N, C-alpha and C. Protein backbone atom coordinates (compact mmCIF):
# COMPACT_ATOMS: atom_id res chain seq x y z
N MET A 1 101.76 74.91 84.55
CA MET A 1 102.26 75.32 85.81
C MET A 1 103.69 75.02 86.08
N SER A 2 104.39 75.91 86.37
CA SER A 2 105.97 75.61 86.63
C SER A 2 106.13 75.57 88.00
N THR A 3 107.19 74.80 88.39
CA THR A 3 107.32 74.70 89.80
C THR A 3 108.94 75.24 90.09
N VAL A 4 109.23 75.47 91.22
CA VAL A 4 110.62 75.83 91.50
C VAL A 4 111.40 74.68 92.22
N ALA A 5 112.38 74.42 91.77
CA ALA A 5 113.26 73.23 92.48
C ALA A 5 113.61 73.72 93.83
N PRO A 6 113.49 72.71 94.81
CA PRO A 6 113.88 73.07 96.29
C PRO A 6 115.34 73.76 96.26
N GLY A 7 115.47 74.74 97.22
CA GLY A 7 116.76 75.35 97.37
C GLY A 7 117.17 76.37 96.37
N LYS A 8 116.02 76.55 95.23
CA LYS A 8 116.29 77.64 94.28
C LYS A 8 115.43 78.65 94.53
N PRO A 9 115.74 79.89 94.43
CA PRO A 9 114.64 81.10 94.69
C PRO A 9 113.65 81.05 93.56
N ALA A 10 112.57 81.53 93.91
CA ALA A 10 111.39 81.66 92.84
C ALA A 10 111.82 82.72 91.87
N PRO A 11 111.22 82.75 90.70
CA PRO A 11 111.48 83.91 89.73
C PRO A 11 111.19 85.25 90.56
N ASN A 12 111.93 86.31 90.17
CA ASN A 12 111.88 87.67 90.84
C ASN A 12 112.14 87.76 92.34
N ALA A 13 112.51 86.53 93.00
CA ALA A 13 112.68 86.60 94.29
C ALA A 13 114.16 87.02 94.69
N SER A 14 114.52 87.77 95.56
CA SER A 14 115.91 88.06 95.84
C SER A 14 116.10 87.40 97.06
N SER A 15 117.48 87.08 97.39
CA SER A 15 118.06 86.41 98.54
C SER A 15 118.01 87.49 99.76
N GLY A 16 117.59 86.93 100.66
CA GLY A 16 117.60 87.74 102.08
C GLY A 16 118.98 87.74 102.62
N VAL A 17 119.18 88.64 103.62
CA VAL A 17 120.42 88.55 104.37
C VAL A 17 120.41 87.39 105.47
N PRO A 18 121.48 86.97 105.87
CA PRO A 18 121.43 86.00 107.05
C PRO A 18 120.72 86.53 108.37
N ALA A 19 120.03 85.57 109.13
CA ALA A 19 119.31 86.13 110.30
C ALA A 19 120.10 86.09 111.57
N THR A 20 121.07 86.94 111.38
CA THR A 20 122.00 87.22 112.65
C THR A 20 121.31 88.12 113.68
N PRO A 21 121.71 88.05 114.92
CA PRO A 21 120.93 88.79 115.76
C PRO A 21 121.13 90.48 115.45
N GLU A 22 122.16 90.75 114.73
CA GLU A 22 122.24 92.25 114.37
C GLU A 22 121.17 92.50 113.00
N ASN A 23 121.09 91.44 112.17
CA ASN A 23 120.13 91.77 111.16
C ASN A 23 118.67 91.62 111.50
N LEU A 24 118.50 90.72 112.58
CA LEU A 24 117.17 90.77 113.07
C LEU A 24 116.64 92.03 113.73
N MET A 25 117.62 92.65 114.56
CA MET A 25 117.37 94.02 115.22
C MET A 25 117.11 95.02 114.08
N LEU A 26 117.90 94.98 113.11
CA LEU A 26 117.81 95.86 112.10
C LEU A 26 116.63 95.71 111.31
N ARG A 27 116.08 94.57 111.18
CA ARG A 27 114.81 94.28 110.55
C ARG A 27 113.67 95.04 111.31
N LEU A 28 113.77 94.70 112.72
CA LEU A 28 112.86 95.40 113.50
C LEU A 28 112.80 96.84 113.49
N ALA A 29 113.71 97.55 113.31
CA ALA A 29 114.03 99.00 113.27
C ALA A 29 113.40 99.41 111.95
N VAL A 30 113.77 98.61 110.93
CA VAL A 30 113.14 98.99 109.50
C VAL A 30 111.70 98.81 109.46
N GLU A 31 111.12 97.77 110.06
CA GLU A 31 109.69 97.50 110.25
C GLU A 31 108.99 98.91 110.89
N HIS A 32 109.65 99.10 112.00
CA HIS A 32 109.21 100.33 112.69
C HIS A 32 108.99 101.43 111.81
N PHE A 33 110.13 101.83 111.07
CA PHE A 33 110.13 102.83 110.16
C PHE A 33 108.91 102.74 109.02
N LEU A 34 108.69 101.58 108.64
CA LEU A 34 107.72 101.26 107.59
C LEU A 34 106.35 101.49 108.14
N PHE A 35 106.07 101.07 109.53
CA PHE A 35 104.86 101.15 110.03
C PHE A 35 104.61 102.75 110.36
N GLU A 36 105.60 103.47 110.77
CA GLU A 36 105.59 104.87 110.93
C GLU A 36 105.17 105.62 109.72
N GLU A 37 105.86 105.32 108.63
CA GLU A 37 105.59 105.87 107.30
C GLU A 37 104.12 105.52 106.80
N ALA A 38 103.59 104.36 107.04
CA ALA A 38 102.25 104.04 106.86
C ALA A 38 101.23 104.81 107.51
N ALA A 39 101.51 105.08 108.89
CA ALA A 39 100.59 105.98 109.71
C ALA A 39 100.61 107.39 109.19
N LEU A 40 101.73 107.95 108.74
CA LEU A 40 101.75 109.31 108.08
C LEU A 40 100.91 109.30 106.94
N LEU A 41 100.94 108.20 106.01
CA LEU A 41 100.29 108.27 104.79
C LEU A 41 98.66 108.07 105.00
N ASP A 42 98.23 107.25 105.98
CA ASP A 42 96.88 106.99 106.27
C ASP A 42 96.31 108.05 107.05
N ALA A 43 97.05 109.00 107.77
CA ALA A 43 96.68 110.34 108.30
C ALA A 43 96.80 111.30 107.40
N TRP A 44 97.03 111.04 106.02
CA TRP A 44 97.22 112.45 105.17
C TRP A 44 98.22 113.34 105.66
N ARG A 45 99.31 113.00 106.58
CA ARG A 45 100.37 114.02 107.01
C ARG A 45 101.38 113.77 105.77
N LEU A 46 101.12 114.33 104.72
CA LEU A 46 101.96 114.04 103.57
C LEU A 46 103.26 115.00 103.35
N GLU A 47 103.31 116.15 104.06
CA GLU A 47 104.33 116.90 104.13
C GLU A 47 105.43 116.22 105.19
N GLU A 48 104.96 115.55 106.22
CA GLU A 48 105.83 114.86 107.03
C GLU A 48 106.42 113.68 106.42
N TRP A 49 105.48 113.09 105.62
CA TRP A 49 105.96 111.78 104.76
C TRP A 49 107.12 112.21 103.83
N LEU A 50 106.83 113.47 103.10
CA LEU A 50 107.91 113.86 102.09
C LEU A 50 109.24 114.07 102.82
N ALA A 51 109.23 114.61 103.94
CA ALA A 51 110.53 114.85 104.64
C ALA A 51 111.21 113.40 105.01
N LEU A 52 110.77 112.34 104.80
CA LEU A 52 111.39 111.12 104.96
C LEU A 52 112.30 110.91 103.93
N PHE A 53 112.20 111.52 102.65
CA PHE A 53 113.00 111.18 101.42
C PHE A 53 114.48 111.91 101.42
N THR A 54 115.33 111.44 100.81
CA THR A 54 116.54 111.97 100.53
C THR A 54 116.50 112.91 99.31
N GLU A 55 117.31 113.81 99.16
CA GLU A 55 117.35 114.77 97.94
C GLU A 55 117.42 114.24 96.68
N ASP A 56 118.01 112.75 96.63
CA ASP A 56 118.16 112.30 95.40
C ASP A 56 117.15 110.98 95.17
N CYS A 57 116.03 111.22 95.83
CA CYS A 57 115.14 110.04 95.86
C CYS A 57 114.55 109.73 94.69
N LEU A 58 113.97 108.48 94.58
CA LEU A 58 113.14 108.14 93.41
C LEU A 58 112.08 107.26 93.80
N TYR A 59 110.85 107.80 93.53
CA TYR A 59 109.54 106.99 93.72
C TYR A 59 108.82 106.34 92.55
N VAL A 60 108.86 105.15 92.45
CA VAL A 60 108.38 104.68 91.08
C VAL A 60 107.23 103.62 91.46
N VAL A 61 106.24 103.71 90.52
CA VAL A 61 104.94 102.72 90.52
C VAL A 61 104.94 102.34 89.20
N PRO A 62 105.35 100.97 88.65
CA PRO A 62 105.22 100.54 87.32
C PRO A 62 103.75 100.28 87.17
N THR A 63 103.43 100.16 85.79
CA THR A 63 102.18 99.66 85.38
C THR A 63 101.92 98.27 85.66
N THR A 64 100.75 97.78 85.75
CA THR A 64 100.29 96.46 86.11
C THR A 64 100.75 95.49 85.03
N ASP A 65 100.80 95.87 83.95
CA ASP A 65 101.22 95.03 82.72
C ASP A 65 102.60 94.67 82.66
N LEU A 66 103.49 95.49 83.23
CA LEU A 66 104.89 95.54 83.34
C LEU A 66 105.53 95.71 84.60
N PRO A 67 105.29 94.89 85.68
CA PRO A 67 105.66 95.26 86.96
C PRO A 67 107.24 95.52 87.29
N ASP A 68 107.96 94.77 86.23
CA ASP A 68 109.56 94.96 86.39
C ASP A 68 109.82 96.10 85.48
N GLY A 69 108.90 96.99 85.05
CA GLY A 69 109.27 98.11 84.24
C GLY A 69 110.18 99.05 84.65
N ASP A 70 111.03 99.54 83.94
CA ASP A 70 112.19 100.59 84.13
C ASP A 70 111.66 101.97 83.49
N PRO A 71 111.54 102.99 84.38
CA PRO A 71 111.07 104.26 83.83
C PRO A 71 111.93 104.64 82.91
N LYS A 72 113.13 104.40 82.79
CA LYS A 72 114.15 104.88 81.57
C LYS A 72 113.52 104.63 80.20
N HIS A 73 112.85 103.41 80.09
CA HIS A 73 112.54 103.11 78.83
C HIS A 73 110.93 102.49 78.79
N ASP A 74 110.31 102.37 79.84
CA ASP A 74 108.89 101.97 80.00
C ASP A 74 107.89 102.86 80.58
N LEU A 75 106.69 102.80 80.21
CA LEU A 75 105.74 103.64 80.72
C LEU A 75 105.47 103.07 82.20
N VAL A 76 105.25 104.08 83.10
CA VAL A 76 105.13 103.77 84.39
C VAL A 76 104.01 104.64 84.99
N PHE A 77 103.20 104.29 86.08
CA PHE A 77 102.22 105.16 86.59
C PHE A 77 102.82 106.37 87.35
N ILE A 78 103.86 106.02 87.99
CA ILE A 78 104.61 107.15 88.83
C ILE A 78 106.23 106.90 88.58
N ASP A 79 106.54 108.09 88.14
CA ASP A 79 108.30 108.28 88.16
C ASP A 79 108.56 109.55 88.72
N ASP A 80 108.77 109.70 90.07
CA ASP A 80 108.91 110.90 90.60
C ASP A 80 110.28 110.99 91.27
N ASN A 81 110.85 112.09 91.10
CA ASN A 81 112.12 112.54 91.88
C ASN A 81 111.53 113.46 92.96
N LEU A 82 112.48 113.89 93.75
CA LEU A 82 111.94 114.96 94.92
C LEU A 82 111.02 116.02 94.43
N VAL A 83 111.66 116.57 93.27
CA VAL A 83 110.78 117.86 92.76
C VAL A 83 109.31 117.50 92.52
N ARG A 84 109.06 116.39 91.50
CA ARG A 84 108.06 115.97 91.17
C ARG A 84 107.09 115.49 92.41
N LEU A 85 107.72 114.81 93.35
CA LEU A 85 107.16 114.09 94.67
C LEU A 85 106.51 115.33 95.39
N ARG A 86 107.41 116.46 95.46
CA ARG A 86 107.06 117.60 96.21
C ARG A 86 105.73 118.34 95.61
N GLY A 87 105.67 118.13 94.19
CA GLY A 87 104.53 118.67 93.50
C GLY A 87 103.29 117.74 93.74
N ARG A 88 103.51 116.66 93.72
CA ARG A 88 102.30 115.68 93.91
C ARG A 88 101.70 115.78 95.27
N VAL A 89 102.72 116.03 96.22
CA VAL A 89 102.10 116.21 97.68
C VAL A 89 101.28 117.60 97.65
N THR A 90 101.80 118.58 97.03
CA THR A 90 101.06 119.88 97.25
C THR A 90 99.80 119.81 96.50
N ARG A 91 99.62 118.98 95.31
CA ARG A 91 98.31 118.98 94.58
C ARG A 91 97.40 118.02 95.35
N LEU A 92 97.96 116.93 95.98
CA LEU A 92 97.11 116.05 96.75
C LEU A 92 96.61 116.83 98.02
N LEU A 93 97.20 117.64 98.57
CA LEU A 93 96.81 118.47 99.70
C LEU A 93 95.79 119.68 99.43
N SER A 94 95.82 119.86 98.01
CA SER A 94 94.73 120.91 97.76
C SER A 94 93.52 120.39 97.14
N ARG A 95 92.68 121.49 96.72
CA ARG A 95 91.34 121.19 96.26
C ARG A 95 91.47 120.78 94.82
N TYR A 96 92.60 120.95 94.19
CA TYR A 96 92.77 120.68 92.87
C TYR A 96 93.09 119.05 92.50
N ALA A 97 93.30 118.20 93.59
CA ALA A 97 93.11 116.84 93.36
C ALA A 97 91.82 116.31 93.45
N HIS A 98 90.95 116.51 92.59
CA HIS A 98 89.35 116.24 92.39
C HIS A 98 89.28 114.75 93.02
N ARG A 99 90.12 113.68 92.71
CA ARG A 99 89.83 112.28 93.01
C ARG A 99 90.17 112.21 94.33
N GLU A 100 90.90 113.16 95.05
CA GLU A 100 91.14 113.02 96.47
C GLU A 100 90.72 114.21 97.41
N TYR A 101 89.66 114.98 96.92
CA TYR A 101 89.06 116.00 97.62
C TYR A 101 87.64 115.78 97.94
N PRO A 102 87.07 115.42 99.01
CA PRO A 102 87.79 115.34 100.23
C PRO A 102 88.57 113.84 100.05
N PHE A 103 89.64 113.76 101.13
CA PHE A 103 90.66 112.74 101.14
C PHE A 103 89.73 111.41 101.20
N SER A 104 90.41 110.45 100.44
CA SER A 104 90.10 109.22 100.44
C SER A 104 90.41 108.57 102.00
N ARG A 105 89.87 107.54 102.56
CA ARG A 105 90.28 106.97 103.74
C ARG A 105 91.12 105.72 103.33
N THR A 106 92.24 105.63 103.89
CA THR A 106 93.00 104.54 103.55
C THR A 106 93.64 103.82 104.77
N ARG A 107 94.10 102.46 104.55
CA ARG A 107 94.69 101.81 105.65
C ARG A 107 95.63 100.84 105.08
N ARG A 108 96.75 100.92 105.43
CA ARG A 108 97.94 100.18 104.96
C ARG A 108 98.27 98.97 105.71
N MET A 109 98.48 97.66 105.14
CA MET A 109 99.16 96.75 105.92
C MET A 109 100.44 96.42 105.23
N ILE A 110 101.52 96.22 106.07
CA ILE A 110 102.96 96.00 105.57
C ILE A 110 103.28 94.57 106.23
N THR A 111 103.73 93.67 105.39
CA THR A 111 103.94 92.32 106.05
C THR A 111 105.19 91.83 105.16
N ASN A 112 105.73 90.63 105.75
CA ASN A 112 106.80 89.91 105.24
C ASN A 112 108.01 90.85 104.62
N VAL A 113 108.39 91.48 105.68
CA VAL A 113 109.54 92.41 105.42
C VAL A 113 110.68 91.53 105.37
N ARG A 114 111.56 91.77 104.22
CA ARG A 114 112.83 91.03 104.17
C ARG A 114 113.99 91.90 104.02
N LEU A 115 114.90 91.95 104.51
CA LEU A 115 116.14 92.63 104.22
C LEU A 115 116.75 91.88 103.21
N THR A 116 117.27 92.69 101.89
CA THR A 116 117.89 91.91 100.93
C THR A 116 119.40 92.43 100.72
N ARG A 117 119.64 93.53 101.31
CA ARG A 117 121.08 93.97 101.35
C ARG A 117 121.44 95.00 102.35
N VAL A 118 122.52 94.77 103.22
CA VAL A 118 122.79 95.63 104.28
C VAL A 118 124.15 95.95 104.12
N ASP A 119 124.46 97.20 104.26
CA ASP A 119 125.63 97.62 104.40
C ASP A 119 125.75 98.83 105.47
N GLU A 120 126.99 99.53 105.69
CA GLU A 120 127.07 100.58 106.76
C GLU A 120 126.16 101.78 106.65
N LYS A 121 125.94 102.05 105.18
CA LYS A 121 125.26 103.19 104.81
C LYS A 121 123.93 103.14 104.21
N GLU A 122 123.50 101.84 103.69
CA GLU A 122 122.08 101.60 103.12
C GLU A 122 121.58 100.13 103.61
N VAL A 123 120.24 100.21 103.45
CA VAL A 123 119.65 98.79 103.57
C VAL A 123 118.62 98.84 102.55
N ASP A 124 118.56 97.70 101.77
CA ASP A 124 117.63 97.31 100.79
C ASP A 124 116.70 96.20 101.27
N LEU A 125 115.45 96.47 101.00
CA LEU A 125 114.34 95.48 101.48
C LEU A 125 113.19 95.25 100.52
N GLU A 126 112.49 94.41 100.89
CA GLU A 126 111.28 94.18 99.96
C GLU A 126 110.14 93.80 101.12
N ALA A 127 108.79 94.25 100.78
CA ALA A 127 107.91 93.86 101.93
C ALA A 127 106.62 93.73 100.92
N SER A 128 105.54 92.95 101.59
CA SER A 128 104.41 92.93 100.83
C SER A 128 103.55 93.97 101.50
N PHE A 129 102.52 94.62 100.62
CA PHE A 129 101.53 95.64 101.09
C PHE A 129 100.18 95.19 100.65
N ALA A 130 99.34 95.84 101.44
CA ALA A 130 97.94 95.93 101.01
C ALA A 130 97.31 97.32 101.52
N VAL A 131 96.94 98.16 100.41
CA VAL A 131 96.30 99.47 100.79
C VAL A 131 94.96 99.48 100.55
N TYR A 132 94.35 99.66 101.47
CA TYR A 132 92.75 99.68 101.32
C TYR A 132 92.27 101.17 101.17
N ARG A 133 91.61 101.40 100.11
CA ARG A 133 91.25 102.82 99.80
C ARG A 133 89.68 102.89 99.86
N SER A 134 88.92 103.82 100.77
CA SER A 134 87.60 103.77 100.88
C SER A 134 87.20 105.15 100.38
N ARG A 135 86.47 105.30 99.16
CA ARG A 135 85.80 106.60 98.54
C ARG A 135 84.65 106.41 98.02
N ASN A 136 83.53 107.24 98.17
CA ASN A 136 82.24 107.15 97.65
C ASN A 136 81.76 106.01 97.86
N GLU A 137 81.66 105.34 99.13
CA GLU A 137 81.22 104.08 99.72
C GLU A 137 81.65 102.87 98.84
N VAL A 138 82.98 102.78 98.27
CA VAL A 138 83.45 101.77 97.47
C VAL A 138 85.10 101.44 98.09
N LEU A 139 85.23 100.14 98.38
CA LEU A 139 86.43 99.82 99.10
C LEU A 139 87.16 99.06 97.99
N ALA A 140 88.31 99.74 97.70
CA ALA A 140 89.22 99.40 96.72
C ALA A 140 90.69 98.87 97.22
N PRO A 141 90.89 97.62 97.05
CA PRO A 141 92.13 97.11 97.76
C PRO A 141 93.26 97.27 96.55
N TYR A 142 94.52 97.57 97.07
CA TYR A 142 95.73 97.70 96.15
C TYR A 142 96.67 96.70 96.80
N VAL A 143 97.23 95.81 96.14
CA VAL A 143 98.06 94.85 96.69
C VAL A 143 99.29 94.70 95.90
N GLY A 144 100.38 94.51 96.54
CA GLY A 144 101.65 94.34 95.76
C GLY A 144 102.84 94.24 96.76
N ARG A 145 103.88 94.66 96.13
CA ARG A 145 105.42 94.56 96.97
C ARG A 145 106.05 95.87 96.94
N TYR A 146 106.69 96.18 97.83
CA TYR A 146 107.45 97.50 97.84
C TYR A 146 108.92 96.93 97.96
N LEU A 147 109.81 97.66 97.21
CA LEU A 147 111.19 97.59 97.06
C LEU A 147 111.73 98.90 97.62
N TYR A 148 112.53 98.82 98.52
CA TYR A 148 113.15 100.24 99.16
C TYR A 148 114.46 100.23 99.21
N THR A 149 115.18 101.26 99.09
CA THR A 149 116.69 101.53 99.48
C THR A 149 116.53 102.61 100.59
N LEU A 150 117.04 102.15 101.90
CA LEU A 150 116.81 103.33 102.99
C LEU A 150 118.27 103.55 103.15
N VAL A 151 118.44 104.84 103.51
CA VAL A 151 119.76 105.47 103.89
C VAL A 151 119.96 105.52 105.27
N ARG A 152 120.95 105.00 106.05
CA ARG A 152 121.01 105.07 107.52
C ARG A 152 121.42 106.52 107.89
N THR A 153 120.61 106.93 108.83
CA THR A 153 120.96 108.40 109.45
C THR A 153 121.92 108.18 110.67
N GLY A 154 122.47 109.04 111.10
CA GLY A 154 123.38 108.91 112.23
C GLY A 154 122.79 108.84 113.61
N ASP A 155 121.35 108.93 113.67
CA ASP A 155 120.84 108.65 114.75
C ASP A 155 120.14 107.50 115.04
N GLY A 156 120.44 106.56 113.92
CA GLY A 156 119.78 105.15 113.93
C GLY A 156 118.46 105.03 113.23
N GLY A 157 118.09 106.11 112.50
CA GLY A 157 116.90 106.25 111.68
C GLY A 157 117.12 105.95 110.17
N PHE A 158 116.31 106.29 109.42
CA PHE A 158 116.38 106.11 108.03
C PHE A 158 115.83 107.07 107.31
N ARG A 159 116.24 107.30 106.00
CA ARG A 159 115.59 108.13 105.04
C ARG A 159 115.30 107.27 103.75
N ILE A 160 114.46 107.59 102.98
CA ILE A 160 114.13 106.76 101.76
C ILE A 160 114.81 107.38 100.57
N ARG A 161 115.58 106.66 99.87
CA ARG A 161 116.34 106.79 98.74
C ARG A 161 115.53 106.40 97.65
N ARG A 162 115.14 105.08 97.49
CA ARG A 162 114.29 104.57 96.40
C ARG A 162 113.02 103.82 97.06
N ARG A 163 112.00 104.12 96.50
CA ARG A 163 110.75 103.55 96.93
C ARG A 163 110.03 103.08 95.61
N ARG A 164 109.66 101.81 95.44
CA ARG A 164 109.01 101.19 94.48
C ARG A 164 107.84 100.36 94.82
N ALA A 165 106.70 100.70 94.31
CA ALA A 165 105.58 99.84 94.64
C ALA A 165 104.93 98.98 93.35
N GLU A 166 105.22 97.86 93.43
CA GLU A 166 104.85 96.99 92.45
C GLU A 166 103.58 96.48 92.56
N LEU A 167 102.49 96.77 91.88
CA LEU A 167 101.08 96.11 92.11
C LEU A 167 101.08 94.70 91.69
N ALA A 168 100.17 93.89 92.22
CA ALA A 168 100.06 92.59 91.93
C ALA A 168 98.84 92.36 90.96
N HIS A 169 98.07 93.32 90.64
CA HIS A 169 96.97 93.42 89.98
C HIS A 169 97.28 93.15 88.39
N GLU A 170 96.28 92.45 87.72
CA GLU A 170 96.52 92.22 86.35
C GLU A 170 95.99 93.53 85.56
N ARG A 171 95.03 94.25 86.19
CA ARG A 171 94.74 95.61 85.36
C ARG A 171 94.16 96.45 86.65
N MET A 172 93.93 97.81 86.32
CA MET A 172 93.40 98.69 87.30
C MET A 172 92.07 99.11 87.00
N SER A 173 91.19 98.39 86.07
CA SER A 173 89.96 98.72 85.41
C SER A 173 89.03 99.00 86.69
N ASP A 174 89.02 98.06 87.81
CA ASP A 174 88.07 98.07 88.94
C ASP A 174 88.43 99.41 89.82
N HIS A 175 89.71 99.83 89.71
CA HIS A 175 90.15 100.80 90.58
C HIS A 175 90.03 102.30 90.12
N GLY A 176 90.13 102.37 88.70
CA GLY A 176 89.99 103.66 87.85
C GLY A 176 91.34 104.26 87.76
N ALA A 177 92.13 104.52 88.90
CA ALA A 177 93.32 105.12 88.71
C ALA A 177 94.16 104.91 89.96
N VAL A 178 95.44 105.31 89.98
CA VAL A 178 96.24 105.48 91.19
C VAL A 178 96.40 106.96 91.52
N SER A 179 95.39 107.37 92.34
CA SER A 179 95.61 108.89 92.77
C SER A 179 96.02 109.13 94.03
N ILE A 180 96.20 107.85 94.79
CA ILE A 180 96.70 108.03 96.23
C ILE A 180 98.25 107.68 96.18
N VAL A 181 98.80 107.84 97.18
CA VAL A 181 100.21 107.46 97.33
C VAL A 181 100.19 105.91 97.82
N LEU A 182 100.74 105.03 97.06
CA LEU A 182 100.76 103.73 97.41
C LEU A 182 102.06 103.63 98.37
């Protein structure tokens, strides 16, 4: 078992931004955005969720055996740009997504939101998540961390440029598949 020396970040941990009043208010706005996004997903309002993304967006879910995987050269569960994400939403809302028809019931918990980079145009953040999926009387938890790049909009809101969901699972055998949007 390895330990991390005091004052040194844990492996894979990124430094947060200073806790200035401005950054704390920004974090509250970011948390509000993430909670509203989670509410859209839990209500299966996927078309409204899709509208949160920028034209150059990227949504990635790496495999559980390689959570730091890069879709440019590693196999990942999901590697969607806006076109593929639009197709995923269309399929999930149709009867052709057999694993999700009728829809699974989901509940998302988002916590430990940390801003990792802030500038005038973008905000990078990480957050912990738990998505509970109920289907056919089986409750399956998906646990991990989100990494986002949010673009600031002129009205004080945000749009999603990058969304990465890294699962903390060692394997997916108990879940079968990732058919829901994490």
